[in-house]
Amino acid sequence: MLDDLGSRWACMEAGSGMMARRVMTWRDSGTLDLRLAAGFLLACMFGYSAWLTSIVFCAANGMRPLLIAGAAFFPVGIVHGIGVWFGGW
């Protein structure tokens, strides 16, 4: 059976009445191809290396507040690490 929303329902007998339960529908979004996996891995490596650059730079130069902020909130560390690479800091 299909209801108004297009989802499937299955009915089961339980004692004196009928109970309806929703059947799970699976969505297929395609496969993870090599190009997508390589791009994702490259983006993760880029972010991690920028974050690690920030941590090492702050530890070497005694910038403790930025070290704590960059370690606790990784986007701060990533932005700071990219800034160190391009000479912003």
N, C-alpha and C. Protein backbone atom coordinates (compact mmCIF):
# COMPACT_ATOMS: atom_id res chain seq x y z
N MET A 1 0.83 -1.20 0.00
CA MET A 1 0.00 0.00 0.00
C MET A 1 0.86 1.25 0.00
N LEU A 2 0.42 2.28 -0.64
CA LEU A 2 1.10 3.57 -0.62
C LEU A 2 0.17 4.60 0.01
N ASP A 3 0.71 5.41 0.90
CA ASP A 3 -0.10 6.47 1.49
C ASP A 3 0.11 7.76 0.69
N ASP A 4 -0.36 8.88 1.23
CA ASP A 4 -0.27 10.16 0.52
C ASP A 4 1.15 10.61 0.26
N LEU A 5 2.08 10.26 1.15
CA LEU A 5 3.46 10.70 1.02
C LEU A 5 4.30 9.76 0.16
N GLY A 6 3.73 8.67 -0.25
CA GLY A 6 4.46 7.75 -1.10
C GLY A 6 5.30 6.74 -0.34
N SER A 7 5.20 6.69 0.96
CA SER A 7 5.99 5.73 1.72
C SER A 7 5.19 4.45 1.88
N ARG A 8 5.90 3.37 2.09
CA ARG A 8 5.25 2.06 2.20
C ARG A 8 4.92 1.75 3.66
N TRP A 9 3.80 1.13 3.85
CA TRP A 9 3.38 0.70 5.17
C TRP A 9 3.09 -0.79 5.14
N ALA A 10 3.41 -1.47 6.18
CA ALA A 10 3.09 -2.89 6.31
C ALA A 10 2.17 -3.06 7.51
N CYS A 11 1.17 -3.90 7.37
CA CYS A 11 0.22 -4.12 8.46
C CYS A 11 0.49 -5.47 9.09
N MET A 12 0.40 -5.49 10.41
CA MET A 12 0.58 -6.72 11.17
C MET A 12 -0.62 -6.89 12.09
N GLU A 13 -1.04 -8.10 12.25
CA GLU A 13 -2.12 -8.36 13.19
C GLU A 13 -1.53 -8.48 14.59
N ALA A 14 -2.11 -7.78 15.52
CA ALA A 14 -1.65 -7.83 16.91
C ALA A 14 -2.86 -7.95 17.80
N GLY A 15 -3.15 -9.15 18.17
CA GLY A 15 -4.28 -9.35 19.07
C GLY A 15 -5.60 -9.08 18.36
N SER A 16 -6.31 -8.06 18.81
CA SER A 16 -7.64 -7.80 18.29
C SER A 16 -7.65 -6.83 17.11
N GLY A 17 -6.58 -6.08 16.90
CA GLY A 17 -6.62 -5.07 15.85
C GLY A 17 -5.42 -5.14 14.93
N MET A 18 -5.36 -4.20 14.05
CA MET A 18 -4.25 -4.12 13.10
C MET A 18 -3.31 -3.00 13.53
N MET A 19 -2.03 -3.25 13.43
CA MET A 19 -1.03 -2.21 13.70
C MET A 19 -0.29 -1.94 12.41
N ALA A 20 0.01 -0.70 12.16
CA ALA A 20 0.75 -0.34 10.96
C ALA A 20 2.17 0.02 11.36
N ARG A 21 3.12 -0.42 10.59
CA ARG A 21 4.51 -0.04 10.82
C ARG A 21 5.09 0.40 9.48
N ARG A 22 6.02 1.27 9.56
CA ARG A 22 6.61 1.84 8.36
C ARG A 22 7.77 0.95 7.91
N VAL A 23 7.82 0.67 6.64
CA VAL A 23 8.90 -0.12 6.07
C VAL A 23 10.01 0.83 5.65
N MET A 24 11.23 0.48 6.02
CA MET A 24 12.36 1.34 5.72
C MET A 24 12.68 1.31 4.22
N THR A 25 12.85 2.47 3.64
CA THR A 25 13.24 2.55 2.24
C THR A 25 14.71 2.92 2.15
N TRP A 26 15.41 2.30 1.25
CA TRP A 26 16.84 2.53 1.07
C TRP A 26 17.03 3.45 -0.12
N ARG A 27 17.94 4.39 0.02
CA ARG A 27 18.27 5.28 -1.08
C ARG A 27 19.68 4.97 -1.53
N ASP A 28 19.85 4.88 -2.81
CA ASP A 28 21.17 4.59 -3.38
C ASP A 28 21.70 5.88 -3.99
N SER A 29 22.79 6.38 -3.42
CA SER A 29 23.37 7.62 -3.93
C SER A 29 24.58 7.37 -4.82
N GLY A 30 24.79 6.16 -5.20
CA GLY A 30 25.91 5.85 -6.09
C GLY A 30 27.10 5.31 -5.33
N THR A 31 28.12 4.98 -6.08
CA THR A 31 29.31 4.40 -5.48
C THR A 31 30.35 5.46 -5.19
N LEU A 32 31.27 5.12 -4.35
CA LEU A 32 32.40 5.98 -4.04
C LEU A 32 33.52 5.62 -5.01
N ASP A 33 33.69 6.43 -6.04
CA ASP A 33 34.70 6.11 -7.03
C ASP A 33 36.07 6.60 -6.57
N LEU A 34 37.09 6.23 -7.30
CA LEU A 34 38.47 6.53 -6.92
C LEU A 34 38.74 8.03 -6.92
N ARG A 35 38.17 8.75 -7.86
CA ARG A 35 38.39 10.20 -7.93
C ARG A 35 37.82 10.92 -6.71
N LEU A 36 36.64 10.55 -6.30
CA LEU A 36 36.02 11.16 -5.12
C LEU A 36 36.77 10.81 -3.85
N ALA A 37 37.18 9.56 -3.73
CA ALA A 37 37.94 9.12 -2.56
C ALA A 37 39.28 9.83 -2.48
N ALA A 38 39.95 10.00 -3.61
CA ALA A 38 41.25 10.69 -3.63
C ALA A 38 41.08 12.16 -3.27
N GLY A 39 40.03 12.80 -3.76
CA GLY A 39 39.77 14.20 -3.42
C GLY A 39 39.47 14.39 -1.95
N PHE A 40 38.69 13.48 -1.39
CA PHE A 40 38.37 13.55 0.04
C PHE A 40 39.63 13.33 0.87
N LEU A 41 40.44 12.36 0.50
CA LEU A 41 41.68 12.10 1.23
C LEU A 41 42.64 13.28 1.13
N LEU A 42 42.73 13.90 -0.03
CA LEU A 42 43.59 15.07 -0.22
C LEU A 42 43.11 16.25 0.63
N ALA A 43 41.80 16.48 0.70
CA ALA A 43 41.26 17.57 1.52
C ALA A 43 41.52 17.32 3.01
N CYS A 44 41.38 16.07 3.44
CA CYS A 44 41.66 15.74 4.84
C CYS A 44 43.14 15.92 5.17
N MET A 45 44.01 15.51 4.28
CA MET A 45 45.45 15.67 4.50
C MET A 45 45.84 17.15 4.52
N PHE A 46 45.23 17.95 3.67
CA PHE A 46 45.48 19.39 3.63
C PHE A 46 45.08 20.04 4.94
N GLY A 47 43.89 19.73 5.44
CA GLY A 47 43.41 20.29 6.70
C GLY A 47 44.25 19.84 7.88
N TYR A 48 44.61 18.56 7.91
CA TYR A 48 45.43 18.06 9.02
C TYR A 48 46.81 18.69 9.02
N SER A 49 47.42 18.83 7.86
CA SER A 49 48.76 19.42 7.82
C SER A 49 48.73 20.91 8.18
N ALA A 50 47.68 21.62 7.79
CA ALA A 50 47.55 23.03 8.19
C ALA A 50 47.36 23.13 9.70
N TRP A 51 46.54 22.26 10.27
CA TRP A 51 46.32 22.27 11.71
C TRP A 51 47.61 21.93 12.46
N LEU A 52 48.35 20.93 11.99
CA LEU A 52 49.60 20.55 12.63
C LEU A 52 50.65 21.66 12.50
N THR A 53 50.67 22.36 11.38
CA THR A 53 51.57 23.50 11.22
C THR A 53 51.28 24.57 12.27
N SER A 54 49.99 24.83 12.49
CA SER A 54 49.61 25.82 13.49
C SER A 54 50.06 25.40 14.88
N ILE A 55 49.87 24.14 15.23
CA ILE A 55 50.24 23.65 16.55
C ILE A 55 51.75 23.76 16.77
N VAL A 56 52.53 23.33 15.79
CA VAL A 56 53.98 23.38 15.91
C VAL A 56 54.48 24.82 15.95
N PHE A 57 53.92 25.68 15.11
CA PHE A 57 54.32 27.09 15.08
C PHE A 57 54.04 27.77 16.41
N CYS A 58 52.86 27.54 16.95
CA CYS A 58 52.50 28.17 18.23
C CYS A 58 53.35 27.63 19.38
N ALA A 59 53.63 26.34 19.37
CA ALA A 59 54.46 25.77 20.43
C ALA A 59 55.89 26.28 20.35
N ALA A 60 56.41 26.45 19.15
CA ALA A 60 57.79 26.91 18.98
C ALA A 60 57.96 28.38 19.30
N ASN A 61 56.91 29.17 19.10
CA ASN A 61 57.01 30.62 19.30
C ASN A 61 56.36 31.10 20.59
N GLY A 62 55.90 30.19 21.42
CA GLY A 62 55.36 30.56 22.73
C GLY A 62 54.02 31.27 22.67
N MET A 63 53.21 30.99 21.69
CA MET A 63 51.88 31.61 21.58
C MET A 63 50.85 30.68 22.23
N ARG A 64 50.82 30.66 23.56
CA ARG A 64 49.97 29.70 24.25
C ARG A 64 48.47 29.91 24.05
N PRO A 65 47.94 31.14 24.07
CA PRO A 65 46.49 31.28 23.85
C PRO A 65 46.05 30.78 22.46
N LEU A 66 46.86 31.09 21.44
CA LEU A 66 46.52 30.61 20.10
C LEU A 66 46.73 29.11 19.98
N LEU A 67 47.70 28.57 20.69
CA LEU A 67 47.93 27.13 20.71
C LEU A 67 46.71 26.41 21.29
N ILE A 68 46.19 26.92 22.39
CA ILE A 68 45.02 26.31 23.02
C ILE A 68 43.79 26.45 22.12
N ALA A 69 43.61 27.64 21.54
CA ALA A 69 42.47 27.86 20.66
C ALA A 69 42.55 26.99 19.40
N GLY A 70 43.75 26.90 18.82
CA GLY A 70 43.92 26.09 17.61
C GLY A 70 43.79 24.60 17.87
N ALA A 71 44.18 24.16 19.05
CA ALA A 71 44.06 22.74 19.39
C ALA A 71 42.63 22.38 19.75
N ALA A 72 41.93 23.27 20.43
CA ALA A 72 40.56 22.98 20.86
C ALA A 72 39.55 23.14 19.73
N PHE A 73 39.72 24.16 18.91
CA PHE A 73 38.80 24.44 17.80
C PHE A 73 39.58 24.31 16.50
N PHE A 74 39.51 23.16 15.88
CA PHE A 74 40.37 22.88 14.74
C PHE A 74 40.22 23.85 13.57
N PRO A 75 39.05 24.47 13.29
CA PRO A 75 39.02 25.44 12.20
C PRO A 75 39.94 26.64 12.43
N VAL A 76 40.10 27.04 13.69
CA VAL A 76 41.02 28.13 14.01
C VAL A 76 42.44 27.71 13.65
N GLY A 77 42.81 26.49 14.01
CA GLY A 77 44.14 25.99 13.70
C GLY A 77 44.38 25.84 12.21
N ILE A 78 43.36 25.41 11.48
CA ILE A 78 43.51 25.26 10.03
C ILE A 78 43.73 26.61 9.36
N VAL A 79 42.93 27.60 9.73
CA VAL A 79 43.09 28.94 9.15
C VAL A 79 44.45 29.53 9.53
N HIS A 80 44.86 29.35 10.77
CA HIS A 80 46.15 29.87 11.20
C HIS A 80 47.30 29.15 10.49
N GLY A 81 47.18 27.83 10.31
CA GLY A 81 48.21 27.08 9.61
C GLY A 81 48.36 27.51 8.16
N ILE A 82 47.26 27.76 7.49
CA ILE A 82 47.32 28.26 6.11
C ILE A 82 47.93 29.64 6.08
N GLY A 83 47.61 30.45 7.09
CA GLY A 83 48.22 31.78 7.19
C GLY A 83 49.72 31.71 7.41
N VAL A 84 50.17 30.74 8.17
CA VAL A 84 51.61 30.56 8.37
C VAL A 84 52.28 30.16 7.07
N TRP A 85 51.63 29.28 6.30
CA TRP A 85 52.20 28.86 5.01
C TRP A 85 52.40 30.03 4.06
N PHE A 86 51.44 30.94 4.02
CA PHE A 86 51.50 32.05 3.07
C PHE A 86 52.10 33.30 3.66
N GLY A 87 52.65 33.22 4.85
CA GLY A 87 53.37 34.35 5.44
C GLY A 87 52.50 35.39 6.11
N GLY A 88 51.28 35.04 6.44
CA GLY A 88 50.39 35.99 7.10
C GLY A 88 50.72 36.17 8.57
N TRP A 89 51.37 35.19 9.18
CA TRP A 89 51.72 35.28 10.59
C TRP A 89 53.21 35.13 10.76
